[in-house]
Amino acid sequence: MPSLEPPRMGEPYLLTPGPLTTSYAVKAAMLRDHGSWDSDFRAMTADIRARLVALLGDPAFDCVPLQGSGSFAVEAMLGSFIPRGGVALVLANGAYGQRAATALRVMGRAVRVLDKGDFAPPRGAEVAAILADDPAITHVVAIHCETSSGILNPLPEIAQAVDGAGRRLLVDSMSAFGGVPFDTTEIPCDALVSSANKCIEGVPGFGFVLARREVLEAAKGNAHSLALDIHAQWAELERSGQWRYTPPTHTIAAFAEALRLHEAEGGIPARHARYCANRDTLVAGMRGLGFATLLADEWLSPIITTFHAPADPAFEFDAFYDAMKARGFIIYPGKLTAVDSFRLGHIGQMDSAVMARVVAAVADSMAALGVGDCRPAPAALAAGEVA
């Protein structure tokens, strides 16, 4: 595996689910300017599209990149593939499921929501029961890794329930694709969406949709938006090799290099193994300090882990954040309503040795803040239990 590069000149590690810590080579790829109509840039776009389809491993799919953050690409997928007369069931167990439901309402699509709260996983059996009771539902929207809590949702059983009911599945794999295996024979779906600055370890600026070609062909006229029309973007890329509107050229160049490094590392299996090792080192170390994870081991993703905040009155998140930043690590606040928490990501240019340093920095920060007990309140611990 290629060696990982530490941040340079005091640059902190980003313990976030994207943007994340990138390699020197990815940063250096942005030092050259590219013309958006130039043949070299068009060839770069074509190569990225082909590589992403190959990474998915299903030639029935094609790749459509789209400018903007991941949420732009999610909204484009939903608005392009769910027709105006369609009805979507959104499986929500955190902020990103709720955001998908909000996007559908804004664009005027009919929405049903299975709301599992902050962190409980939607299960295949309950999805099957909802679909059996409501024949109007045409599409199901699922979040692969819900980073609000760090849960890796049981996508295979959800996909089998949707496929068994003859409905169409759309997957937000924003924080998982490239770092978590995705087999379309195990997870039959119409499309999935991810972003440049997640597990491929590029930088922010565009997302991409991987969709079945027949689904792309059938999407003409569905979109609620000019700029977020996946069919129109795909058709232009197929016709001329160009993006319809100004592409994020430097981000594309960085992503091309990130894809090369992803392949050199060993692709999805190797990256998944590194991320899992990062998580395991972090979780074991944090538990050794007295911290408790929000989720049981069964549901922990290799992307980001949520920890209960200590009940010790000396703990204050902003002070903890500043203490960790001073020690070279940017952390993430919690995004839950039920429990007080914080999150530590374990993707990007980091390995288990860095995770051990994270644990040491947490221990040092707790001592500096005067936190003597890192355990959560018993009531908070009970609130986070997932059956």
Protein backbone atom coordinates (compact mmCIF):
# COMPACT_ATOMS: atom_id res chain seq x y z
CA MET A 1 0.00 0.00 0.00
CA PRO A 2 1.37 3.49 -0.80
CA SER A 3 2.60 5.33 2.26
CA LEU A 4 0.27 7.94 3.73
CA GLU A 5 1.51 11.49 3.96
CA PRO A 6 1.16 13.56 7.16
CA PRO A 7 -0.22 17.08 6.85
CA ARG A 8 2.51 19.62 6.14
CA MET A 9 3.52 22.83 7.94
CA GLY A 10 1.19 22.41 10.91
CA GLU A 11 -1.88 21.58 8.85
CA PRO A 12 -4.32 19.71 11.13
CA TYR A 13 -5.86 16.34 10.41
CA LEU A 14 -9.57 16.60 9.58
CA LEU A 15 -11.52 14.06 11.64
CA THR A 16 -14.60 14.76 9.53
CA PRO A 17 -16.56 12.75 6.94
CA GLY A 18 -15.47 15.06 4.09
CA PRO A 19 -13.85 17.44 3.45
CA LEU A 20 -10.99 15.33 4.74
CA THR A 21 -7.22 15.19 4.86
CA THR A 22 -5.88 14.75 1.33
CA SER A 23 -2.50 13.70 -0.05
CA TYR A 24 0.19 16.04 -1.35
CA ALA A 25 -0.34 14.59 -4.82
CA VAL A 26 -4.04 15.48 -4.78
CA LYS A 27 -3.26 19.02 -3.64
CA ALA A 28 -0.50 19.37 -6.25
CA ALA A 29 -2.87 18.35 -9.06
CA MET A 30 -4.72 21.64 -8.51
CA LEU A 31 -1.66 23.77 -9.36
CA ARG A 32 -2.35 23.65 -13.09
CA ASP A 33 -5.16 25.52 -14.83
CA HIS A 34 -7.38 23.70 -17.33
CA GLY A 35 -9.64 24.96 -20.08
CA SER A 36 -13.13 23.52 -19.68
CA TRP A 37 -13.49 22.99 -23.46
CA ASP A 38 -9.98 21.70 -23.99
CA SER A 39 -9.53 18.19 -25.33
CA ASP A 40 -7.23 17.20 -22.45
CA PHE A 41 -9.84 18.22 -19.90
CA ARG A 42 -12.59 16.41 -21.80
CA ALA A 43 -10.41 13.31 -21.82
CA MET A 44 -9.92 13.70 -18.05
CA THR A 45 -13.69 13.86 -17.53
CA ALA A 46 -14.23 10.78 -19.70
CA ASP A 47 -11.54 8.87 -17.80
CA ILE A 48 -13.09 9.76 -14.44
CA ARG A 49 -16.52 8.61 -15.61
CA ALA A 50 -15.13 5.30 -16.87
CA ARG A 51 -13.10 4.71 -13.72
CA LEU A 52 -16.10 5.28 -11.46
CA VAL A 53 -18.23 2.84 -13.45
CA ALA A 54 -15.39 0.31 -13.21
CA LEU A 55 -15.18 0.92 -9.46
CA LEU A 56 -18.87 0.08 -9.15
CA GLY A 57 -18.27 -2.99 -11.29
CA ASP A 58 -21.54 -2.98 -13.24
CA PRO A 59 -21.36 -2.06 -16.96
CA ALA A 60 -25.14 -1.49 -17.00
CA PHE A 61 -24.43 1.80 -15.19
CA ASP A 62 -23.06 5.10 -16.44
CA CYS A 63 -21.57 8.02 -14.53
CA VAL A 64 -22.78 11.62 -14.55
CA PRO A 65 -20.68 14.19 -12.66
CA LEU A 66 -22.38 17.39 -11.50
CA GLN A 67 -21.03 20.67 -10.12
CA GLY A 68 -21.70 21.58 -6.50
CA SER A 69 -21.70 19.90 -3.11
CA GLY A 70 -23.03 16.42 -2.49
CA SER A 71 -26.48 17.78 -1.66
CA PHE A 72 -26.69 19.23 -5.18
CA ALA A 73 -26.08 15.76 -6.62
CA VAL A 74 -28.60 14.15 -4.25
CA GLU A 75 -31.28 16.64 -5.22
CA ALA A 76 -30.43 16.15 -8.90
CA MET A 77 -30.78 12.38 -8.55
CA LEU A 78 -34.14 12.66 -6.78
CA GLY A 79 -35.58 15.25 -9.15
CA SER A 80 -34.35 13.53 -12.29
CA PHE A 81 -35.32 9.94 -11.52
CA ILE A 82 -38.54 10.35 -9.52
CA PRO A 83 -41.16 11.63 -12.00
CA ARG A 84 -43.59 14.35 -11.05
CA GLY A 85 -46.32 11.76 -10.53
CA GLY A 86 -44.10 9.47 -8.47
CA VAL A 87 -44.31 8.82 -4.74
CA ALA A 88 -41.12 8.42 -2.72
CA LEU A 89 -40.64 6.59 0.57
CA VAL A 90 -37.65 8.12 2.36
CA LEU A 91 -35.93 6.00 5.01
CA ALA A 92 -34.72 8.56 7.54
CA ASN A 93 -32.59 7.98 10.61
CA GLY A 94 -30.71 11.24 10.71
CA ALA A 95 -30.17 14.60 9.09
CA TYR A 96 -29.48 13.35 5.58
CA GLY A 97 -32.63 11.27 5.27
CA GLN A 98 -34.60 14.27 6.52
CA ARG A 99 -32.79 16.50 4.02
CA ALA A 100 -33.78 14.18 1.16
CA ALA A 101 -37.42 14.34 2.26
CA THR A 102 -37.23 18.14 2.43
CA ALA A 103 -35.74 18.32 -1.06
CA LEU A 104 -38.55 16.18 -2.45
CA ARG A 105 -41.19 18.38 -0.83
CA VAL A 106 -39.55 21.53 -2.20
CA MET A 107 -39.56 20.10 -5.72
CA GLY A 108 -43.22 19.10 -5.39
CA ARG A 109 -42.85 15.32 -5.19
CA ALA A 110 -45.14 13.23 -2.99
CA VAL A 111 -43.25 11.92 0.03
CA ARG A 112 -43.75 9.29 2.69
CA VAL A 113 -41.17 9.09 5.49
CA LEU A 114 -40.18 6.17 7.67
CA ASP A 115 -38.68 8.18 10.53
CA LYS A 116 -36.48 6.03 12.76
CA GLY A 117 -35.32 8.93 14.91
CA ASP A 118 -31.69 9.85 15.33
CA PHE A 119 -29.96 6.53 14.91
CA ALA A 120 -32.12 3.38 14.73
CA PRO A 121 -31.67 1.54 11.42
CA PRO A 122 -34.54 1.01 8.96
CA ARG A 123 -34.99 -2.72 8.50
CA GLY A 124 -35.96 -4.66 5.41
CA ALA A 125 -39.05 -6.22 6.96
CA GLU A 126 -40.61 -2.89 7.90
CA VAL A 127 -39.83 -1.45 4.46
CA ALA A 128 -41.51 -4.48 2.87
CA ALA A 129 -44.57 -4.00 5.09
CA ILE A 130 -44.90 -0.30 4.15
CA LEU A 131 -44.60 -1.09 0.46
CA ALA A 132 -47.21 -3.83 0.74
CA ASP A 133 -49.62 -1.43 2.45
CA ASP A 134 -49.07 1.48 0.05
CA PRO A 135 -49.06 0.50 -3.65
CA ALA A 136 -48.78 4.17 -4.64
CA ILE A 137 -45.11 4.27 -3.61
CA THR A 138 -42.92 4.10 -6.70
CA HIS A 139 -39.45 4.79 -5.28
CA VAL A 140 -37.54 4.25 -2.05
CA VAL A 141 -34.70 6.56 -0.98
CA ALA A 142 -32.11 5.10 1.41
CA ILE A 143 -29.01 6.53 3.07
CA HIS A 144 -26.03 4.17 2.95
CA CYS A 145 -24.03 5.69 5.82
CA GLU A 146 -25.95 8.21 7.93
CA THR A 147 -23.11 10.32 9.28
CA SER A 148 -25.35 12.13 11.77
CA SER A 149 -24.77 9.12 14.01
CA GLY A 150 -22.18 7.16 12.04
CA ILE A 151 -24.53 4.25 11.41
CA LEU A 152 -23.99 1.98 8.41
CA ASN A 153 -27.55 1.15 7.40
CA PRO A 154 -28.45 -2.45 6.39
CA LEU A 155 -28.65 -1.62 2.70
CA PRO A 156 -28.69 -5.19 1.31
CA GLU A 157 -31.84 -6.19 3.22
CA ILE A 158 -33.50 -2.87 2.34
CA ALA A 159 -32.64 -3.30 -1.34
CA GLN A 160 -33.97 -6.84 -1.41
CA ALA A 161 -37.24 -5.69 0.14
CA VAL A 162 -37.61 -2.90 -2.43
CA ASP A 163 -36.71 -5.16 -5.34
CA GLY A 164 -39.05 -7.88 -4.09
CA ALA A 165 -41.91 -5.38 -4.08
CA GLY A 166 -41.15 -4.27 -7.63
CA ARG A 167 -40.24 -0.69 -6.64
CA ARG A 168 -37.18 1.41 -7.51
CA LEU A 169 -34.34 2.16 -5.10
CA LEU A 170 -32.23 5.35 -5.05
CA VAL A 171 -29.23 5.38 -2.72
CA ASP A 172 -27.42 8.27 -1.08
CA SER A 173 -23.98 6.66 -0.74
CA MET A 174 -22.37 10.04 -0.24
CA SER A 175 -20.07 9.09 2.62
CA ALA A 176 -19.62 5.43 1.79
CA PHE A 177 -18.96 4.82 -1.92
CA GLY A 178 -15.31 4.01 -2.54
CA GLY A 179 -14.69 3.02 1.06
CA VAL A 180 -17.49 0.48 1.62
CA PRO A 181 -18.21 -2.40 -0.80
CA PHE A 182 -21.25 -1.87 -3.05
CA ASP A 183 -22.36 -4.89 -5.08
CA THR A 184 -25.34 -4.17 -7.35
CA THR A 185 -26.28 -7.84 -7.40
CA GLU A 186 -26.65 -7.68 -3.62
CA ILE A 187 -27.98 -4.11 -3.63
CA PRO A 188 -30.16 -3.77 -6.75
CA CYS A 189 -30.84 -0.09 -7.35
CA ASP A 190 -31.56 2.43 -10.10
CA ALA A 191 -28.88 4.87 -9.01
CA LEU A 192 -26.50 5.94 -6.28
CA VAL A 193 -24.82 9.24 -5.58
CA SER A 194 -21.53 10.23 -3.94
CA SER A 195 -19.09 13.14 -3.87
CA ALA A 196 -15.49 13.95 -4.74
CA ASN A 197 -14.44 14.75 -1.18
CA LYS A 198 -15.44 11.54 0.57
CA CYS A 199 -13.92 8.05 0.39
CA ILE A 200 -12.11 8.66 -2.90
CA GLU A 201 -10.22 11.35 -0.93
CA GLY A 202 -10.52 14.24 -3.37
CA VAL A 203 -11.53 17.82 -2.60
CA PRO A 204 -14.97 19.48 -2.60
CA GLY A 205 -16.52 20.82 -5.80
CA PHE A 206 -18.63 18.17 -7.48
CA GLY A 207 -20.70 15.07 -6.91
CA PHE A 208 -21.48 12.18 -9.22
CA VAL A 209 -24.43 9.94 -9.96
CA LEU A 210 -23.99 6.32 -11.02
CA ALA A 211 -27.22 5.23 -12.71
CA ARG A 212 -28.47 2.48 -14.96
CA ARG A 213 -28.36 3.61 -18.57
CA GLU A 214 -32.02 2.77 -19.17
CA VAL A 215 -32.93 4.87 -16.12
CA LEU A 216 -30.92 7.78 -17.51
CA GLU A 217 -32.62 7.43 -20.88
CA ALA A 218 -36.07 7.40 -19.30
CA ALA A 219 -35.37 10.50 -17.17
CA LYS A 220 -35.79 13.06 -19.96
CA GLY A 221 -38.24 15.77 -18.90
CA ASN A 222 -38.47 14.72 -15.25
CA ALA A 223 -36.18 17.34 -13.71
CA HIS A 224 -37.55 20.26 -11.73
CA SER A 225 -34.41 22.29 -12.39
CA LEU A 226 -32.35 23.41 -15.36
CA ALA A 227 -28.98 23.08 -13.65
CA LEU A 228 -29.82 19.88 -11.72
CA ASP A 229 -31.08 17.89 -14.71
CA ILE A 230 -29.09 14.66 -14.71
CA HIS A 231 -30.48 13.52 -18.07
CA ALA A 232 -29.46 16.77 -19.75
CA GLN A 233 -25.99 16.65 -18.19
CA TRP A 234 -25.55 13.04 -19.30
CA ALA A 235 -26.79 13.73 -22.82
CA GLU A 236 -24.31 16.58 -23.27
CA LEU A 237 -21.42 14.55 -21.89
CA GLU A 238 -22.33 11.75 -24.29
CA ARG A 239 -22.64 14.14 -27.24
CA SER A 240 -19.62 16.39 -26.78
CA GLY A 241 -17.67 15.20 -23.75
CA GLN A 242 -18.27 18.57 -22.12
CA TRP A 243 -20.08 19.69 -18.99
CA ARG A 244 -23.11 21.85 -19.77
CA TYR A 245 -21.93 24.66 -17.50
CA THR A 246 -18.51 25.68 -16.17
CA PRO A 247 -16.98 22.66 -14.41
CA PRO A 248 -14.80 22.83 -11.28
CA THR A 249 -11.64 22.15 -13.29
CA HIS A 250 -9.15 22.10 -10.41
CA THR A 251 -11.37 19.77 -8.37
CA ILE A 252 -11.70 17.43 -11.35
CA ALA A 253 -7.92 17.31 -11.75
CA ALA A 254 -7.51 16.59 -8.04
CA PHE A 255 -10.11 13.84 -8.25
CA ALA A 256 -8.35 12.20 -11.19
CA GLU A 257 -5.25 11.95 -9.03
CA ALA A 258 -7.28 10.73 -6.05
CA LEU A 259 -8.74 7.94 -8.19
CA ARG A 260 -5.23 6.93 -9.26
CA LEU A 261 -4.14 6.74 -5.62
CA HIS A 262 -7.31 4.83 -4.70
CA GLU A 263 -6.47 2.21 -7.32
CA ALA A 264 -2.81 2.07 -6.24
CA GLU A 265 -3.85 1.43 -2.65
CA GLY A 266 -5.85 -1.60 -3.74
CA GLY A 267 -9.27 -0.14 -4.52
CA ILE A 268 -12.34 -0.49 -2.34
CA PRO A 269 -11.20 -3.62 -0.43
CA ALA A 270 -7.94 -2.01 0.70
CA ARG A 271 -9.49 1.33 1.55
CA HIS A 272 -12.32 -0.37 3.45
CA ALA A 273 -9.76 -2.39 5.42
CA ARG A 274 -7.78 0.75 6.32
CA TYR A 275 -10.87 2.65 7.39
CA CYS A 276 -12.09 -0.29 9.49
CA ALA A 277 -8.68 -0.55 11.17
CA ASN A 278 -8.81 3.20 11.85
CA ARG A 279 -12.23 2.84 13.45
CA ASP A 280 -11.24 -0.15 15.54
CA THR A 281 -8.13 1.57 16.89
CA LEU A 282 -10.08 4.74 17.68
CA VAL A 283 -13.03 2.99 19.32
CA ALA A 284 -10.86 0.71 21.45
CA GLY A 285 -8.76 3.65 22.60
CA MET A 286 -11.71 5.89 23.37
CA ARG A 287 -13.47 3.15 25.30
CA GLY A 288 -10.26 2.64 27.21
CA LEU A 289 -10.51 6.27 28.32
CA GLY A 290 -14.09 5.69 29.52
CA PHE A 291 -15.98 7.06 26.49
CA ALA A 292 -19.01 5.19 25.14
CA THR A 293 -20.02 4.92 21.50
CA LEU A 294 -23.57 5.90 20.63
CA LEU A 295 -24.05 2.70 18.64
CA ALA A 296 -23.39 -0.96 19.30
CA ASP A 297 -20.52 -2.52 17.34
CA GLU A 298 -22.96 -4.07 14.85
CA TRP A 299 -23.90 -0.66 13.48
CA LEU A 300 -20.56 1.17 13.58
CA SER A 301 -19.49 2.37 10.13
CA PRO A 302 -15.88 2.67 8.97
CA ILE A 303 -16.56 6.33 8.15
CA ILE A 304 -17.26 8.21 11.39
CA THR A 305 -18.09 7.29 14.99
CA THR A 306 -20.33 9.18 17.41
CA PHE A 307 -19.36 9.25 21.08
CA HIS A 308 -21.47 10.28 24.03
CA ALA A 309 -20.28 13.46 25.68
CA PRO A 310 -18.94 12.92 29.21
CA ALA A 311 -21.37 13.66 32.01
CA ASP A 312 -18.53 15.32 33.96
CA PRO A 313 -19.57 18.99 34.40
CA ALA A 314 -16.05 20.08 33.41
CA PHE A 315 -16.65 18.90 29.85
CA GLU A 316 -17.66 21.61 27.40
CA PHE A 317 -17.58 20.84 23.68
CA ASP A 318 -16.23 24.17 22.42
CA ALA A 319 -13.33 23.98 24.84
CA PHE A 320 -12.72 20.35 23.82
CA TYR A 321 -12.78 21.39 20.15
CA ASP A 322 -10.20 24.09 20.75
CA ALA A 323 -8.01 21.73 22.76
CA MET A 324 -8.06 19.10 19.99
CA LYS A 325 -7.37 21.72 17.32
CA ALA A 326 -4.38 22.93 19.29
CA ARG A 327 -3.12 19.34 19.23
CA GLY A 328 -3.51 19.02 15.45
CA PHE A 329 -7.01 17.56 15.01
CA ILE A 330 -10.23 19.14 13.73
CA ILE A 331 -13.23 17.27 15.19
CA TYR A 332 -16.95 17.32 14.50
CA PRO A 333 -19.84 18.29 16.80
CA GLY A 334 -22.78 15.97 17.34
CA LYS A 335 -25.83 16.23 15.11
CA LEU A 336 -28.39 14.51 17.30
CA THR A 337 -31.41 15.73 19.23
CA ALA A 338 -31.74 12.86 21.71
CA VAL A 339 -28.26 12.81 23.25
CA ASP A 340 -25.29 15.11 23.77
CA SER A 341 -22.49 13.80 21.55
CA PHE A 342 -19.53 14.50 19.30
CA ARG A 343 -18.15 12.72 16.24
CA LEU A 344 -14.69 11.62 15.15
CA GLY A 345 -14.16 10.67 11.52
CA HIS A 346 -11.64 8.06 10.41
CA ILE A 347 -11.43 8.51 6.64
CA GLY A 348 -8.88 10.44 4.60
CA GLN A 349 -5.07 10.23 4.64
CA MET A 350 -4.90 8.60 8.06
CA ASP A 351 -3.97 5.19 9.39
CA SER A 352 -4.09 3.37 12.72
CA ALA A 353 -0.98 5.15 13.98
CA VAL A 354 -2.73 8.48 13.50
CA MET A 355 -5.81 7.14 15.30
CA ALA A 356 -3.61 6.21 18.26
CA ARG A 357 -2.39 9.81 18.28
CA VAL A 358 -6.01 10.99 18.24
CA VAL A 359 -6.72 8.95 21.37
CA ALA A 360 -3.63 10.38 23.08
CA ALA A 361 -4.74 13.91 22.13
CA VAL A 362 -8.20 13.25 23.58
CA ALA A 363 -6.68 12.01 26.84
CA ASP A 364 -4.42 15.06 27.01
CA SER A 365 -7.33 17.39 26.23
CA MET A 366 -9.51 15.86 28.93
CA ALA A 367 -6.75 16.34 31.47
CA ALA A 368 -6.26 19.95 30.39
CA LEU A 369 -10.00 20.62 30.76
CA GLY A 370 -10.14 18.97 34.17
CA VAL A 371 -12.45 16.17 33.01
CA GLY A 372 -11.80 13.28 35.36
CA ASP A 373 -14.56 10.92 34.17
CA CYS A 374 -15.31 10.43 30.46
CA ARG A 375 -18.35 8.24 30.97
CA PRO A 376 -21.78 9.52 29.83
CA ALA A 377 -24.80 9.84 32.08
CA PRO A 378 -26.64 6.50 32.40
CA ALA A 379 -29.80 8.03 30.91
CA ALA A 380 -27.88 9.19 27.82
CA LEU A 381 -26.33 5.75 27.45
CA ALA A 382 -29.77 4.12 27.51
CA ALA A 383 -31.05 6.61 24.93
CA GLY A 384 -28.38 5.52 22.48
CA GLU A 385 -29.00 1.80 22.66
CA VAL A 386 -30.07 0.25 19.35
CA ALA A 387 -31.64 -3.18 19.31
